[in-house]
Protein backbone atom coordinates (compact mmCIF):
# COMPACT_ATOMS: atom_id res chain seq x y z
CA MET A 1 -75.09 -80.55 9.27
CA ALA A 2 -72.39 -80.25 12.03
CA GLN A 3 -69.73 -77.40 11.55
CA ARG A 4 -66.07 -78.21 11.48
CA HIS A 5 -63.47 -76.20 12.93
CA LEU A 6 -59.94 -76.71 13.56
CA ASP A 7 -58.58 -77.72 16.73
CA PRO A 8 -54.81 -76.82 16.92
CA THR A 9 -54.55 -78.56 20.32
CA GLY A 10 -55.71 -82.12 19.16
CA PRO A 11 -53.57 -85.18 19.43
CA ARG A 12 -52.34 -85.19 15.86
CA SER A 13 -51.34 -81.34 16.00
CA GLY A 14 -47.44 -81.84 16.68
CA HIS A 15 -47.84 -80.80 20.45
CA ALA A 16 -47.83 -84.59 21.60
CA GLY A 17 -45.23 -84.91 24.37
CA PRO A 18 -44.42 -87.87 26.76
CA VAL A 19 -47.28 -90.02 27.92
CA PRO A 20 -49.17 -88.38 31.11
CA THR A 21 -48.93 -90.69 34.38
CA GLY A 22 -49.46 -90.62 37.66
CA ASP A 23 -46.55 -88.26 38.16
CA ALA A 24 -48.33 -85.55 35.91
CA LEU A 25 -51.48 -86.07 38.25
CA ALA A 26 -49.17 -85.39 41.05
CA GLY A 27 -47.78 -82.19 39.80
CA TYR A 28 -51.28 -80.93 38.88
CA LEU A 29 -52.71 -81.77 42.17
CA ARG A 30 -49.94 -79.98 44.00
CA ALA A 31 -50.01 -76.93 42.10
CA GLN A 32 -53.95 -76.87 42.80
CA ALA A 33 -53.39 -77.47 46.51
CA THR A 34 -50.37 -74.47 46.69
CA GLU A 35 -53.09 -72.25 44.64
CA PHE A 36 -55.79 -73.24 47.35
CA LEU A 37 -53.12 -72.09 50.21
CA ARG A 38 -52.12 -69.23 48.52
CA ALA A 39 -56.03 -67.89 47.93
CA LEU A 40 -56.36 -68.78 51.59
CA ARG A 41 -53.76 -66.62 53.16
CA LEU A 42 -54.73 -63.69 50.62
CA HIS A 43 -58.51 -64.20 52.13
CA ARG A 44 -57.11 -63.61 55.61
CA GLU A 45 -54.68 -60.65 54.59
CA THR A 46 -57.72 -58.88 52.68
CA GLY A 47 -60.18 -59.29 55.74
CA SER A 48 -63.43 -60.77 55.61
CA GLY A 49 -65.85 -58.70 57.55
CA ALA A 50 -69.34 -57.59 56.34
CA SER A 51 -68.11 -55.43 53.60
CA GLY A 52 -65.72 -57.75 52.50
CA SER A 53 -63.37 -56.03 49.84
CA GLU A 54 -62.64 -57.19 46.33
CA GLY A 55 -59.57 -58.66 47.26
CA SER A 56 -61.64 -61.04 49.53
CA ALA A 57 -63.99 -61.94 46.97
CA ASP A 58 -61.36 -62.96 44.40
CA ALA A 59 -59.88 -64.69 47.16
CA ALA A 60 -62.84 -66.52 47.96
CA ARG A 61 -63.39 -67.51 43.85
CA ALA A 62 -59.86 -68.62 43.92
CA LEU A 63 -60.71 -70.91 46.68
CA ARG A 64 -63.50 -72.22 45.29
CA ARG A 65 -61.53 -72.65 41.84
CA SER A 66 -58.69 -74.73 43.21
CA ALA A 67 -61.12 -76.59 45.43
CA ARG A 68 -63.13 -77.99 42.47
CA ARG A 69 -60.27 -78.90 40.36
CA ILE A 70 -58.86 -80.94 43.22
CA SER A 71 -61.90 -82.46 43.82
CA ALA A 72 -62.65 -83.38 40.25
CA SER A 73 -59.54 -84.77 39.80
CA LEU A 74 -60.12 -87.28 42.84
CA HIS A 75 -63.19 -88.06 41.05
CA THR A 76 -61.61 -88.64 37.77
CA PHE A 77 -58.42 -90.36 38.78
CA GLN A 78 -59.58 -91.98 41.73
CA SER A 79 -57.90 -95.33 40.84
CA LEU A 80 -54.58 -93.79 40.88
CA LEU A 81 -54.99 -92.64 44.36
CA ASP A 82 -55.66 -93.94 47.95
CA THR A 83 -59.14 -94.93 47.93
CA ASP A 84 -60.09 -93.88 51.47
CA TRP A 85 -58.25 -90.57 51.24
CA CYS A 86 -60.36 -89.70 48.13
CA GLU A 87 -63.40 -90.71 49.82
CA GLY A 88 -62.86 -88.69 52.69
CA MET A 89 -61.47 -85.27 50.71
CA ARG A 90 -64.16 -85.13 47.86
CA PRO A 91 -67.23 -84.41 50.04
CA GLU A 92 -65.35 -81.98 52.10
CA LEU A 93 -63.96 -79.88 49.26
CA ALA A 94 -67.40 -79.94 47.59
CA TRP A 95 -68.70 -78.33 50.70
CA VAL A 96 -66.21 -75.38 51.02
CA SER A 97 -67.01 -74.93 47.27
CA GLY A 98 -70.38 -74.73 47.56
CA THR A 99 -70.67 -72.72 50.76
CA LEU A 100 -68.08 -70.28 49.26
CA ALA A 101 -70.44 -69.89 46.35
CA MET A 102 -73.67 -69.09 47.57
CA GLU A 103 -72.99 -65.63 48.54
CA HIS A 104 -72.10 -64.63 44.98
CA ALA A 105 -74.70 -66.60 43.51
CA TYR A 106 -77.26 -64.61 45.46
CA THR A 107 -75.82 -61.32 44.51
CA ALA A 108 -75.73 -62.32 40.93
CA ARG A 109 -79.38 -63.58 41.03
CA LEU A 110 -80.60 -60.38 42.14
CA GLU A 111 -78.67 -58.40 39.43
CA ARG A 112 -79.90 -60.55 36.92
CA LEU A 113 -83.80 -60.29 38.05
CA LEU A 114 -83.51 -56.42 38.35
CA SER A 115 -81.97 -55.91 35.06
CA ALA A 116 -84.27 -58.01 33.58
CA LEU A 117 -87.24 -56.07 35.48
CA HIS A 118 -85.71 -53.00 34.34
CA ARG A 119 -85.65 -54.32 30.42
CA LEU A 120 -89.02 -55.66 30.59
CA SER A 121 -91.02 -52.81 32.25
CA GLY A 122 -88.73 -49.58 31.32
CA SER A 123 -89.16 -48.60 34.77
CA THR A 124 -86.33 -47.26 36.88
CA ALA A 125 -88.37 -47.13 40.47
CA PHE A 126 -86.50 -50.19 41.76
CA PRO A 127 -82.97 -50.85 42.38
CA GLY A 128 -80.98 -51.75 39.37
CA PRO A 129 -77.55 -53.68 38.85
CA THR A 130 -74.47 -51.83 38.29
CA ALA A 131 -73.53 -50.88 34.74
CA GLY A 132 -70.27 -53.46 34.93
CA ALA A 133 -72.72 -56.30 36.41
CA ALA A 134 -75.43 -55.91 33.73
CA ALA A 135 -73.21 -55.87 30.90
CA PRO A 136 -72.60 -59.36 30.24
CA ALA A 137 -76.13 -60.10 30.75
CA LYS A 138 -77.46 -57.89 27.93
CA ALA A 139 -74.72 -58.64 25.73
CA SER A 140 -75.73 -62.75 26.05
CA ALA A 141 -79.73 -62.34 26.63
CA PRO A 142 -81.84 -62.03 23.73
CA ILE A 143 -84.33 -59.02 23.91
CA HIS A 144 -87.90 -59.88 24.23
CA PRO A 145 -90.06 -56.91 23.01
CA THR A 146 -93.14 -55.81 25.18
CA SER A 147 -96.24 -54.19 23.56
CA ALA A 148 -97.17 -50.83 25.17
CA PRO A 149 -100.22 -52.08 26.77
CA GLU A 150 -98.38 -55.07 28.51
CA ARG A 151 -95.61 -52.71 29.64
CA GLY A 152 -97.98 -50.54 31.35
CA ASN A 153 -99.45 -53.03 33.18
CA LEU A 154 -96.09 -54.77 34.09
CA THR A 155 -94.57 -51.21 35.11
CA VAL A 156 -97.12 -50.98 38.09
CA GLY A 157 -96.25 -53.98 40.00
CA ALA A 158 -92.40 -53.45 38.80
CA ALA A 159 -91.20 -51.52 41.42
CA LYS A 160 -92.72 -53.64 44.23
CA ALA A 161 -91.46 -56.78 42.60
CA GLY A 162 -88.21 -55.28 42.23
CA ALA A 163 -88.42 -54.22 46.21
CA LEU A 164 -89.44 -57.77 47.16
CA LEU A 165 -86.68 -59.50 45.03
CA ASP A 166 -84.39 -57.00 46.79
CA ARG A 167 -85.45 -57.76 50.06
CA GLN A 168 -85.62 -61.48 49.75
CA LEU A 169 -82.25 -61.93 48.09
CA ASN A 170 -80.21 -59.53 50.17
CA LEU A 171 -81.60 -61.34 53.30
CA ALA A 172 -80.41 -64.79 51.66
CA ARG A 173 -76.96 -63.25 50.40
CA THR A 174 -76.21 -61.84 54.13
CA ARG A 175 -77.22 -65.25 55.85
CA ALA A 176 -74.74 -67.05 53.01
CA HIS A 177 -72.26 -64.55 53.97
CA SER A 178 -72.45 -65.18 57.81
CA THR A 179 -72.45 -68.66 56.84
CA ALA A 180 -69.27 -68.49 54.87
CA LEU A 181 -67.62 -66.71 57.57
CA GLN A 182 -68.29 -69.43 60.12
CA ALA A 183 -67.26 -72.24 57.60
CA LEU A 184 -63.93 -70.58 57.20
CA GLY A 185 -63.36 -70.45 61.09
CA SER A 186 -64.77 -73.73 61.91
CA SER A 187 -62.50 -76.86 63.04
CA ARG A 188 -64.00 -78.60 59.88
CA PHE A 189 -62.44 -75.79 57.43
CA HIS A 190 -59.18 -76.07 59.44
CA ALA A 191 -58.90 -79.63 58.99
CA ILE A 192 -59.53 -79.66 55.44
CA ALA A 193 -56.85 -76.79 55.12
CA ASP A 194 -54.35 -79.03 56.92
CA LYS A 195 -54.92 -81.88 54.46
CA VAL A 196 -54.67 -79.96 51.36
CA ALA A 197 -51.35 -78.45 52.93
CA VAL A 198 -49.91 -82.03 52.99
CA LEU A 199 -51.23 -82.64 49.60
CA ALA A 200 -49.13 -79.72 48.18
CA SER A 201 -46.26 -81.58 49.22
CA GLU A 202 -47.00 -85.27 49.19
CA VAL A 203 -49.66 -86.70 46.84
CA PRO A 204 -50.94 -90.13 47.94
CA LEU A 205 -50.35 -92.12 44.81
CA THR A 206 -50.85 -95.72 44.38
CA LYS A 207 -47.88 -98.11 43.55
CA ALA A 208 -48.84 -98.23 40.14
CA ALA A 209 -49.67 -94.59 39.42
CA GLY A 210 -46.14 -93.80 38.23
CA THR A 211 -46.62 -96.12 35.10
CA THR A 212 -50.41 -95.46 34.84
CA ASP A 213 -51.38 -93.64 31.55
CA LEU A 214 -53.88 -90.90 32.40
CA ARG A 215 -55.41 -90.63 29.03
CA PRO A 216 -57.89 -93.54 29.27
CA LEU A 217 -59.34 -92.05 32.51
CA ALA A 218 -59.76 -88.72 30.95
CA SER A 219 -61.28 -90.49 27.93
CA ALA A 220 -63.52 -92.25 29.95
CA ALA A 221 -64.43 -88.93 31.83
CA GLU A 222 -65.19 -87.74 28.13
CA GLY A 223 -67.33 -90.44 27.08
CA ARG A 224 -69.72 -89.67 30.23
CA LEU A 225 -70.08 -86.50 29.20
CA THR A 226 -70.77 -87.73 25.41
CA ASP A 227 -73.40 -90.07 26.50
CA ALA A 228 -74.90 -87.38 28.79
CA VAL A 229 -75.21 -84.98 25.81
CA ALA A 230 -76.75 -87.70 23.68
CA ALA A 231 -79.61 -87.88 26.18
CA LEU A 232 -80.48 -84.28 26.02
CA PRO A 233 -83.37 -83.15 23.94
CA LEU A 234 -81.32 -81.14 21.46
CA VAL A 235 -84.08 -81.34 18.83
CA THR A 236 -86.20 -79.54 21.17
CA ALA A 237 -83.47 -77.26 22.39
CA GLY A 238 -83.30 -76.14 18.43
CA ASN A 239 -86.65 -75.01 18.60
CA PRO A 240 -87.08 -71.20 19.17
CA TYR A 241 -89.85 -71.70 21.90
CA ASN A 242 -90.48 -74.76 24.20
CA ALA A 243 -93.95 -74.31 25.53
CA SER A 244 -93.39 -77.13 27.74
CA ALA A 245 -90.92 -75.48 29.65
CA LEU A 246 -93.31 -73.21 31.52
CA VAL A 247 -95.85 -75.77 32.35
CA HIS A 248 -94.35 -75.98 35.79
CA GLY A 249 -94.13 -72.42 36.27
CA LEU A 250 -95.97 -70.84 39.15
CA SER A 251 -97.57 -74.16 40.24
CA PRO A 252 -97.68 -74.56 44.24
CA ASP A 253 -94.84 -77.46 44.00
CA THR A 254 -91.41 -76.17 44.68
CA VAL A 255 -89.61 -79.02 43.34
CA PRO A 256 -86.99 -77.90 40.78
CA HIS A 257 -87.88 -77.70 37.17
CA PRO A 258 -87.94 -81.58 35.85
CA GLN A 259 -86.47 -80.58 32.45
CA ASP A 260 -83.36 -78.73 33.86
CA ALA A 261 -81.75 -81.61 35.92
CA PRO A 262 -80.25 -83.32 33.01
CA TRP A 263 -78.70 -80.17 31.69
CA HIS A 264 -77.27 -79.28 35.24
CA GLN A 265 -75.73 -82.82 35.12
CA VAL A 266 -74.16 -81.92 31.56
CA ARG A 267 -72.57 -79.13 33.28
CA LEU A 268 -70.88 -80.75 36.02
CA LEU A 269 -69.73 -83.72 33.38
CA LEU A 270 -68.28 -80.93 31.00
CA ARG A 271 -66.55 -79.30 34.00
CA LEU A 272 -64.74 -82.70 35.05
CA HIS A 273 -63.74 -83.21 31.38
CA ARG A 274 -62.10 -79.73 31.27
CA TYR A 275 -60.25 -80.41 34.47
CA ALA A 276 -59.25 -83.80 33.32
CA ARG A 277 -57.83 -82.44 30.18
CA GLU A 278 -55.87 -79.93 32.42
CA ALA A 279 -54.29 -82.43 34.36
CA GLN A 280 -53.46 -84.80 31.87
CA ARG A 281 -51.71 -81.85 29.56
CA GLY A 282 -50.14 -80.10 32.58
CA GLU A 283 -51.95 -77.10 32.56
CA PRO A 284 -51.90 -76.25 36.25
CA ASN A 285 -53.50 -72.73 36.08
CA GLY A 286 -55.95 -73.80 33.60
CA ASN A 287 -55.54 -71.48 31.07
CA ALA A 288 -52.57 -72.65 28.79
CA VAL A 289 -54.60 -74.18 26.29
CA VAL A 290 -58.54 -73.03 25.48
CA ASP A 291 -60.56 -74.76 23.58
CA LEU A 292 -63.28 -72.54 22.19
CA ARG A 293 -66.01 -75.29 21.56
CA LEU A 294 -65.79 -76.48 25.30
CA LEU A 295 -65.38 -72.70 26.52
CA SER A 296 -68.58 -71.93 24.57
CA ALA A 297 -70.53 -75.03 25.74
CA GLY A 298 -69.68 -74.38 29.09
CA GLN A 299 -70.84 -70.62 29.04
CA ALA A 300 -74.11 -71.62 27.58
CA LEU A 301 -74.51 -74.07 30.46
CA ASN A 302 -73.57 -71.61 33.16
CA HIS A 303 -75.97 -69.04 31.59
CA HIS A 304 -78.85 -71.98 31.65
CA ARG A 305 -77.98 -72.70 35.29
CA ASP A 306 -78.16 -68.99 36.01
CA ALA A 307 -81.46 -68.23 34.22
CA SER A 308 -83.09 -71.40 35.82
CA GLU A 309 -82.33 -70.23 39.31
CA ALA A 310 -83.54 -66.77 38.45
CA ALA A 311 -86.40 -68.29 37.35
CA ALA A 312 -87.10 -70.16 40.66
CA ALA A 313 -86.28 -67.19 42.75
CA ALA A 314 -89.12 -65.22 40.61
CA ALA A 315 -91.57 -68.08 41.28
CA GLN A 316 -90.69 -68.35 45.07
CA ALA A 317 -91.42 -64.50 45.35
CA ALA A 318 -94.63 -64.96 43.74
CA ARG A 319 -95.71 -67.40 46.26
CA THR A 320 -95.13 -64.84 48.99
CA PRO A 321 -98.68 -64.36 50.86
CA ARG A 322 -100.97 -61.22 50.50
CA ILE A 323 -98.80 -59.54 47.82
CA ALA A 324 -100.74 -57.18 45.17
CA PRO A 325 -102.15 -58.72 41.96
CA ALA A 326 -99.89 -56.22 40.11
CA THR A 327 -96.74 -57.52 41.79
CA ALA A 328 -97.61 -61.05 41.35
CA TYR A 329 -98.27 -60.17 37.33
CA ALA A 330 -94.81 -58.76 37.19
CA LEU A 331 -93.14 -61.70 38.89
CA GLY A 332 -94.84 -64.22 36.75
CA VAL A 333 -93.76 -62.10 33.59
CA LEU A 334 -90.27 -62.00 34.94
CA HIS A 335 -90.48 -65.78 35.65
CA ALA A 336 -91.49 -66.55 31.98
CA ASP A 337 -89.04 -64.33 30.84
CA GLN A 338 -86.11 -66.13 32.37
CA ARG A 339 -87.45 -69.79 31.32
CA HIS A 340 -87.56 -68.24 27.96
CA GLU A 341 -83.63 -67.35 28.86
CA VAL A 342 -83.09 -70.99 29.48
CA GLU A 343 -84.67 -72.13 26.37
CA ALA A 344 -82.15 -69.56 24.60
CA ALA A 345 -78.83 -71.13 26.43
CA ARG A 346 -79.91 -74.50 25.35
CA PHE A 347 -79.84 -73.51 21.88
CA ALA A 348 -76.92 -71.92 22.08
CA PHE A 349 -75.57 -75.18 23.83
CA GLN A 350 -77.08 -76.98 20.77
CA GLN A 351 -75.07 -74.92 18.37
CA CYS A 352 -71.87 -74.81 19.72
CA TRP A 353 -71.86 -78.19 20.49
CA GLN A 354 -72.74 -79.52 17.08
CA LYS A 355 -69.56 -78.07 15.76
CA GLU A 356 -67.06 -80.99 15.02
CA THR A 357 -63.96 -80.55 16.29
CA VAL A 358 -61.05 -81.63 13.62
CA SER A 359 -57.66 -81.92 14.73
CA THR A 360 -54.85 -80.55 12.58
CA SER A 361 -52.19 -83.03 11.16
């Protein structure tokens, strides 16, 4: 039975203000554009060399965050904006966000896999993640006990498996870093930055946008999310172990896992829903009001994506020609462990999503 909890931010909570219209959307887009330009300036000031500083990494995250919010708003509220301008900007902003995300993704993936290898084998003979990076994964990841004989067999190949993953993912991270630097210096990115600078002062609204209510469009985004969640196999996700999740494990087929795509789509739709709520409620910083149910669901889906991509990386490493059997065995165990993490994330999402939000009167 669905759990019920109070939502003090609901429409009947007494926080209702004026009807949000295109003017509220314009204010939200101007705020996000200003944040994009501020992050870009910070990124240039903090440097972006091979040993990028922490300030540079923070600036890149802020660039991605504002680019995602602008792009999502153009998608949800496109009928209130100039169509040609939206169609031109959305893929460009997605390119910026995706390009800047790759370096961080490879770094986090390597830390996740090495931490899992260490947990499974008890070995310290391979590079390990920093304590700060490993803590969140340890807090959210269930512990899968391994018997002594299995752990002994795993330890034999764990060091070489860790070294192989370190080599492959560090190479990918370095390439992603170079790609990001080239992108930020390209004429394509400068053209995007120029358009965002114009957006910070002038939003291309339609004539009717000033009197159009944002709530039906935001509700449509929520409806798409609800429909996508309804199509998920939540009953299967409620089981502690989904054997079919390992069927495509280490097969020669490199196509992404067929079970994962609907969950990834729900993650994107949840993000669109969250950003539509921000625009509707006038929350340019994205942190004025926190819906714990959506926050928990988003964290579970992020964990699902990370585990899915880590499992794919382990499987890809296991396909490396001429590796030792013990190394392949360690990578196979690692792949299975990450697929179990995928199932755990699906279970966590199922648990938090089935909590029913009740608005206070």
